[in-house]
Amino acid sequence: MKLPIGFGTRLFFRVVFPGAVLAPACARITQTILVFYKVHIPIEYALPIAIVVFGLFFAVLDVPIYMALEGRRFWPTWLWSYCLHRERRRLAGLHRAMRRNDTSRMIGRLSPVERSNFDRLYIEAAVILSAFPISLKTSAPTASSPTRLGNLIAAYEQYPRLKYGLDAVFFWPRVWVTIDKELREEIDSQQAQADGLLYLATALGFSSFVVLGYAIADTIAPGSLLYPEKPIWECLAATVCLLSSALVYRISLYSHAQFGELFKSVFDQHRSLLDTEEIVDLVSNLTDDPELRNRIGILRNVAVWRLLRWHRVRLPGEKVNRKVRLP
């Protein structure tokens, strides 16, 4: 679904922007390695090549980058637990803000300006609250991920499952191939903006550690790398890169929220393009449940997903899935 190789804004967001940050940061080490192996390429020629190479590096590692920044993998247990606790505290703070402003706007004699201000704060907290997924047990927002990005993506990926019984991860590629080319390009352009900002934040974060490594090398072994610089300036540059990474990450959340609304809209308007009738008939025969064809769409979609994704069915009146043996 992501097509980083191609002309237009998608190429710049996903390849050029992150590459243009990481390539200059790694120029000292790459040029030192080239000189060591007697490969003499002037830096003005090597840098554009490095921008493309490092940019493609981000495009290829798209899934691991998202896994790390969502908090799904690569996290030490203690850090994952600490950040999850922080997200839960943030969620509790939003609930308190909604209750406080809802109460304040209902009691006392308020001026129109004061009441409007309480309304604004209440609505703003409610909007932020929508960036959390819904708990299936309590039907209330919950923090299931240790990062804001993880909770935001979980919230909009959960939407098709809650509303239509369509697992987003499984059915998104199937919806994708049914929509027309113009809509696919529009969706991918919106996603490229979110991807590019996230790649840029990752590039800045990685660059801060690279530059900090230069400072250590110039302190311990001066002259070991080309283009030596004062360690104090390198430490300052590393700090600026790290702070910029955090800022760009926070900005990227707005782009991800916009893409999330587009993502949900695709399922709202184009889920009917999925051809599942044959699978519904198959599940109906396998479970000896002729009424499945007449049940609401959400139940039919779950039955289709269960068979196609997990190769399992659920018999009428049972709560346990069973493996299927097809002829």
Protein backbone atom coordinates (compact mmCIF):
# COMPACT_ATOMS: atom_id res chain seq x y z
CA MET A 1 0.00 0.00 0.00
CA LYS A 2 2.92 2.37 0.54
CA LEU A 3 4.66 3.30 -2.69
CA PRO A 4 7.78 5.32 -1.77
CA ILE A 5 9.39 4.99 -5.21
CA GLY A 6 7.69 7.46 -7.49
CA PHE A 7 7.65 11.12 -8.31
CA GLY A 8 5.63 13.54 -6.26
CA THR A 9 5.19 14.41 -2.61
CA ARG A 10 5.24 10.78 -1.50
CA LEU A 11 8.86 10.43 -2.63
CA PHE A 12 9.90 13.56 -0.74
CA PHE A 13 8.06 12.74 2.45
CA ARG A 14 9.14 9.10 2.70
CA VAL A 15 12.64 9.22 1.18
CA VAL A 16 14.13 12.67 0.70
CA PHE A 17 13.17 14.33 3.99
CA PRO A 18 14.48 11.66 6.40
CA GLY A 19 17.48 10.97 4.16
CA ALA A 20 18.39 14.66 4.06
CA VAL A 21 18.64 14.64 7.85
CA LEU A 22 20.45 11.37 8.46
CA ALA A 23 22.91 11.52 5.54
CA PRO A 24 24.69 14.73 6.70
CA ALA A 25 24.73 13.41 10.27
CA CYS A 26 26.48 10.23 9.13
CA ALA A 27 28.75 11.99 6.60
CA ARG A 28 31.81 11.90 8.85
CA ILE A 29 31.68 8.18 9.45
CA THR A 30 30.75 7.29 5.87
CA GLN A 31 33.52 9.45 4.41
CA THR A 32 36.02 8.01 6.89
CA ILE A 33 35.09 4.47 5.86
CA LEU A 34 35.36 5.33 2.15
CA VAL A 35 38.81 6.87 2.63
CA PHE A 36 39.93 3.87 4.69
CA TYR A 37 39.07 1.57 1.79
CA LYS A 38 40.68 4.00 -0.67
CA VAL A 39 37.41 4.96 -2.31
CA HIS A 40 37.70 8.67 -3.00
CA ILE A 41 34.31 10.25 -3.69
CA PRO A 42 34.01 14.01 -3.09
CA ILE A 43 31.48 14.71 -0.37
CA GLU A 44 29.41 16.92 -2.69
CA TYR A 45 28.78 13.80 -4.81
CA ALA A 46 28.60 11.29 -1.98
CA LEU A 47 26.02 13.26 0.00
CA PRO A 48 23.16 13.14 -2.58
CA ILE A 49 23.74 9.41 -3.00
CA ALA A 50 23.69 8.96 0.78
CA ILE A 51 20.43 10.92 1.04
CA VAL A 52 18.69 8.48 -1.32
CA VAL A 53 20.27 5.41 0.31
CA PHE A 54 19.38 6.46 3.86
CA GLY A 55 15.91 7.54 2.71
CA LEU A 56 15.25 4.13 1.20
CA PHE A 57 16.51 2.65 4.45
CA PHE A 58 13.57 4.29 6.24
CA ALA A 59 11.07 3.23 3.58
CA VAL A 60 12.20 -0.40 3.82
CA LEU A 61 12.10 -0.38 7.63
CA ASP A 62 8.63 1.17 7.78
CA VAL A 63 7.05 -1.68 9.77
CA PRO A 64 9.81 -1.98 12.43
CA ILE A 65 9.80 1.83 12.88
CA TYR A 66 6.07 1.83 13.53
CA MET A 67 6.36 -1.20 15.82
CA ALA A 68 8.96 0.60 17.94
CA LEU A 69 7.19 3.97 18.07
CA GLU A 70 3.80 2.40 18.78
CA GLY A 71 5.33 0.43 21.65
CA ARG A 72 4.53 -3.00 20.22
CA ARG A 73 8.09 -4.35 20.13
CA PHE A 74 11.73 -3.66 20.97
CA TRP A 75 10.94 -2.05 24.35
CA PRO A 76 12.51 -3.14 27.66
CA THR A 77 9.82 -4.26 30.08
CA TRP A 78 10.51 -1.57 32.67
CA LEU A 79 10.31 1.25 30.10
CA TRP A 80 7.13 -0.17 28.53
CA SER A 81 5.46 -0.39 31.94
CA TYR A 82 6.53 3.13 32.93
CA CYS A 83 5.29 4.74 29.69
CA LEU A 84 2.02 2.78 29.81
CA HIS A 85 1.47 4.11 33.34
CA ARG A 86 2.06 7.65 32.05
CA GLU A 87 -0.50 7.19 29.27
CA ARG A 88 -3.03 5.89 31.78
CA ARG A 89 -2.40 8.92 33.98
CA ARG A 90 -2.91 11.18 30.95
CA LEU A 91 -6.19 9.40 30.20
CA ALA A 92 -7.34 9.83 33.81
CA GLY A 93 -6.43 13.54 33.62
CA LEU A 94 -8.62 13.95 30.53
CA HIS A 95 -11.55 12.33 32.33
CA ARG A 96 -11.06 14.69 35.27
CA ALA A 97 -10.89 17.70 32.95
CA MET A 98 -14.14 16.69 31.26
CA ARG A 99 -15.95 16.22 34.57
CA ARG A 100 -14.59 19.47 35.99
CA ASN A 101 -15.53 21.59 33.00
CA ASP A 102 -18.88 19.87 32.58
CA THR A 103 -19.74 20.65 36.21
CA SER A 104 -18.41 24.21 36.03
CA ARG A 105 -20.54 25.11 33.03
CA MET A 106 -23.70 23.87 34.71
CA ILE A 107 -23.51 25.56 38.11
CA GLY A 108 -23.46 29.16 39.22
CA ARG A 109 -24.28 32.30 37.32
CA LEU A 110 -21.81 32.41 34.46
CA SER A 111 -21.29 35.03 31.83
CA PRO A 112 -21.60 33.89 28.19
CA VAL A 113 -17.81 34.16 27.84
CA GLU A 114 -17.16 31.96 30.89
CA ARG A 115 -19.70 29.36 29.79
CA SER A 116 -18.24 29.33 26.28
CA ASN A 117 -14.77 28.80 27.73
CA PHE A 118 -15.90 25.80 29.83
CA ASP A 119 -17.67 24.37 26.77
CA ARG A 120 -14.51 24.77 24.71
CA LEU A 121 -12.33 23.02 27.31
CA TYR A 122 -14.86 20.20 27.68
CA ILE A 123 -15.04 19.59 23.93
CA GLU A 124 -11.25 19.76 23.55
CA ALA A 125 -10.76 17.10 26.24
CA ALA A 126 -13.42 14.93 24.57
CA VAL A 127 -11.64 15.21 21.21
CA ILE A 128 -8.31 14.18 22.73
CA LEU A 129 -10.09 11.31 24.49
CA SER A 130 -11.16 9.95 21.10
CA ALA A 131 -7.49 9.22 20.38
CA PHE A 132 -7.66 6.26 22.78
CA PRO A 133 -9.06 2.83 21.85
CA ILE A 134 -12.26 1.53 23.44
CA SER A 135 -12.08 -1.27 26.00
CA LEU A 136 -14.21 -4.23 24.92
CA LYS A 137 -14.97 -5.00 28.58
CA THR A 138 -15.98 -1.56 29.84
CA SER A 139 -16.84 0.22 26.54
CA ALA A 140 -14.78 3.16 27.83
CA PRO A 141 -11.54 4.66 26.45
CA THR A 142 -8.44 2.81 27.62
CA ALA A 143 -4.67 3.19 27.26
CA SER A 144 -3.49 -0.03 25.62
CA SER A 145 -0.16 1.30 24.35
CA PRO A 146 2.75 3.11 26.08
CA THR A 147 2.85 5.87 23.42
CA ARG A 148 0.44 8.46 22.07
CA LEU A 149 1.02 7.18 18.55
CA GLY A 150 0.25 3.61 19.57
CA ASN A 151 -3.03 4.54 21.23
CA LEU A 152 -4.02 6.79 18.32
CA ILE A 153 -3.41 4.07 15.71
CA ALA A 154 -5.14 1.46 17.90
CA ALA A 155 -8.16 3.77 18.13
CA TYR A 156 -8.72 4.20 14.40
CA GLU A 157 -7.74 0.62 13.51
CA GLN A 158 -10.29 -0.60 16.05
CA TYR A 159 -13.11 1.38 14.43
CA PRO A 160 -13.98 -1.08 11.58
CA ARG A 161 -13.98 -3.99 14.03
CA LEU A 162 -16.37 -2.29 16.45
CA LYS A 163 -18.74 -0.89 13.82
CA TYR A 164 -18.76 -3.55 11.11
CA GLY A 165 -16.95 -6.63 12.43
CA LEU A 166 -14.08 -6.01 9.99
CA ASP A 167 -10.60 -6.54 11.38
CA ALA A 168 -8.67 -3.54 10.00
CA VAL A 169 -5.29 -5.24 9.64
CA PHE A 170 -6.81 -8.15 7.71
CA PHE A 171 -9.45 -6.36 5.63
CA TRP A 172 -7.61 -3.11 4.79
CA PRO A 173 -5.59 -4.68 1.92
CA ARG A 174 -8.79 -6.23 0.57
CA VAL A 175 -10.63 -2.91 0.64
CA TRP A 176 -7.57 -1.23 -0.86
CA VAL A 177 -7.61 -3.33 -4.04
CA THR A 178 -11.31 -2.64 -4.63
CA ILE A 179 -11.19 1.17 -4.62
CA ASP A 180 -10.29 3.22 -7.68
CA LYS A 181 -6.81 4.51 -8.47
CA GLU A 182 -7.49 8.17 -7.77
CA LEU A 183 -8.78 7.45 -4.28
CA ARG A 184 -5.81 5.16 -3.57
CA GLU A 185 -3.41 7.93 -4.53
CA GLU A 186 -5.26 10.45 -2.37
CA ILE A 187 -5.17 8.10 0.61
CA ASP A 188 -1.51 7.22 0.07
CA SER A 189 -0.55 10.90 -0.22
CA GLN A 190 -2.20 11.59 3.14
CA GLN A 191 -0.46 8.60 4.67
CA ALA A 192 2.88 9.66 3.15
CA GLN A 193 2.69 12.94 5.05
CA ALA A 194 2.21 11.08 8.34
CA ASP A 195 4.92 8.56 7.45
CA GLY A 196 7.38 11.27 6.43
CA LEU A 197 7.03 13.20 9.67
CA LEU A 198 7.48 10.01 11.68
CA TYR A 199 10.54 9.02 9.62
CA LEU A 200 11.90 12.54 10.12
CA ALA A 201 11.47 12.26 13.89
CA THR A 202 13.26 8.89 13.80
CA ALA A 203 16.08 10.32 11.67
CA LEU A 204 16.57 13.23 14.06
CA GLY A 205 16.60 10.90 17.06
CA PHE A 206 19.13 8.58 15.43
CA SER A 207 21.23 11.56 14.33
CA SER A 208 21.47 12.80 17.91
CA PHE A 209 23.14 9.55 18.96
CA VAL A 210 25.43 9.59 15.93
CA VAL A 211 26.59 13.14 16.67
CA LEU A 212 27.03 12.28 20.35
CA GLY A 213 29.22 9.39 19.22
CA TYR A 214 31.34 11.88 17.26
CA ALA A 215 31.77 13.96 20.43
CA ILE A 216 32.97 10.89 22.33
CA ALA A 217 35.33 9.90 19.50
CA ASP A 218 36.78 13.41 19.22
CA THR A 219 37.37 13.44 22.97
CA ILE A 220 38.90 9.97 23.32
CA ALA A 221 40.67 9.63 19.96
CA PRO A 222 41.04 13.02 18.24
CA GLY A 223 41.69 12.73 14.51
CA SER A 224 40.20 9.26 14.17
CA LEU A 225 37.40 10.65 12.00
CA LEU A 226 37.45 13.15 9.16
CA TYR A 227 36.19 16.70 9.63
CA PRO A 228 36.95 16.99 13.38
CA GLU A 229 34.86 19.39 15.46
CA LYS A 230 34.85 20.59 19.05
CA PRO A 231 33.01 18.07 21.28
CA ILE A 232 31.06 20.84 23.01
CA TRP A 233 29.45 21.90 19.74
CA GLU A 234 28.70 18.30 18.87
CA CYS A 235 26.99 17.76 22.23
CA LEU A 236 24.92 20.88 21.60
CA ALA A 237 23.98 19.63 18.12
CA ALA A 238 22.99 16.24 19.56
CA THR A 239 20.73 17.96 22.09
CA VAL A 240 19.08 20.07 19.37
CA CYS A 241 18.48 16.96 17.24
CA LEU A 242 16.92 15.08 20.16
CA LEU A 243 14.59 17.95 21.07
CA SER A 244 13.67 18.42 17.41
CA SER A 245 12.88 14.72 17.17
CA ALA A 246 10.43 14.97 20.07
CA LEU A 247 8.81 18.08 18.55
CA VAL A 248 8.38 16.54 15.09
CA TYR A 249 6.97 13.38 16.67
CA ARG A 250 4.30 15.40 18.46
CA ILE A 251 3.50 17.30 15.25
CA SER A 252 3.18 14.02 13.35
CA LEU A 253 0.31 12.98 15.63
CA TYR A 254 -1.95 15.53 13.94
CA SER A 255 -1.20 14.04 10.52
CA HIS A 256 -1.85 10.55 11.85
CA ALA A 257 -5.17 11.70 13.30
CA GLN A 258 -6.18 13.13 9.90
CA PHE A 259 -5.21 9.91 8.16
CA GLY A 260 -7.13 7.96 10.80
CA GLU A 261 -10.34 9.78 9.91
CA LEU A 262 -9.74 9.04 6.23
CA PHE A 263 -9.01 5.41 7.09
CA LYS A 264 -12.33 5.10 8.94
CA SER A 265 -14.19 6.83 6.11
CA VAL A 266 -12.93 4.26 3.60
CA PHE A 267 -14.56 1.47 5.60
CA ASP A 268 -17.73 3.53 6.07
CA GLN A 269 -18.17 4.16 2.35
CA HIS A 270 -16.49 1.21 0.59
CA ARG A 271 -16.91 -1.87 2.81
CA SER A 272 -19.76 -3.01 0.53
CA LEU A 273 -17.20 -3.61 -2.23
CA LEU A 274 -15.88 -6.64 -0.32
CA ASP A 275 -17.21 -9.81 -1.93
CA THR A 276 -17.77 -12.20 0.99
CA GLU A 277 -20.97 -14.00 -0.04
CA GLU A 278 -19.16 -17.17 -1.11
CA ILE A 279 -17.27 -17.34 2.19
CA VAL A 280 -20.48 -16.76 4.15
CA ASP A 281 -22.09 -19.69 2.29
CA LEU A 282 -19.04 -21.85 3.04
CA VAL A 283 -19.10 -21.02 6.76
CA SER A 284 -22.86 -21.63 6.79
CA ASN A 285 -22.34 -25.12 5.38
CA LEU A 286 -19.37 -25.91 7.64
CA THR A 287 -21.28 -24.92 10.78
CA ASP A 288 -24.65 -26.27 9.63
CA ASP A 289 -26.08 -22.81 10.28
CA PRO A 290 -28.33 -21.74 7.37
CA GLU A 291 -29.46 -18.64 9.30
CA LEU A 292 -25.98 -17.11 9.07
CA ARG A 293 -26.83 -15.66 5.63
CA ASN A 294 -29.70 -13.68 7.17
CA ARG A 295 -27.83 -12.30 10.18
CA ILE A 296 -26.61 -8.71 10.42
CA GLY A 297 -23.44 -7.78 8.55
CA ILE A 298 -21.20 -7.53 11.61
CA LEU A 299 -21.79 -11.20 12.50
CA ARG A 300 -21.23 -12.35 8.92
CA ASN A 301 -18.02 -10.31 8.68
CA VAL A 302 -16.65 -11.80 11.91
CA ALA A 303 -17.43 -15.30 10.63
CA VAL A 304 -15.64 -14.56 7.34
CA TRP A 305 -12.60 -13.11 9.14
CA ARG A 306 -12.44 -16.07 11.52
CA LEU A 307 -12.30 -18.55 8.63
CA LEU A 308 -9.98 -16.65 6.29
CA ARG A 309 -7.55 -15.40 8.93
CA TRP A 310 -7.50 -18.22 11.46
CA HIS A 311 -9.02 -21.13 9.52
CA ARG A 312 -11.62 -21.58 12.26
CA VAL A 313 -15.40 -21.48 12.66
CA ARG A 314 -17.79 -21.19 15.59
CA LEU A 315 -20.83 -23.46 15.81
CA PRO A 316 -24.21 -21.96 16.78
CA GLY A 317 -24.60 -21.65 20.55
CA GLU A 318 -20.88 -22.25 21.26
CA LYS A 319 -18.26 -19.80 22.53
CA VAL A 320 -15.17 -21.72 21.40
CA ASN A 321 -13.76 -21.69 17.87
CA ARG A 322 -13.08 -24.94 16.06
CA LYS A 323 -10.52 -25.83 13.45
CA VAL A 324 -11.79 -26.47 9.95
CA ARG A 325 -11.02 -29.36 7.65
CA LEU A 326 -11.69 -28.43 4.07
CA PRO A 327 -11.91 -31.04 1.26
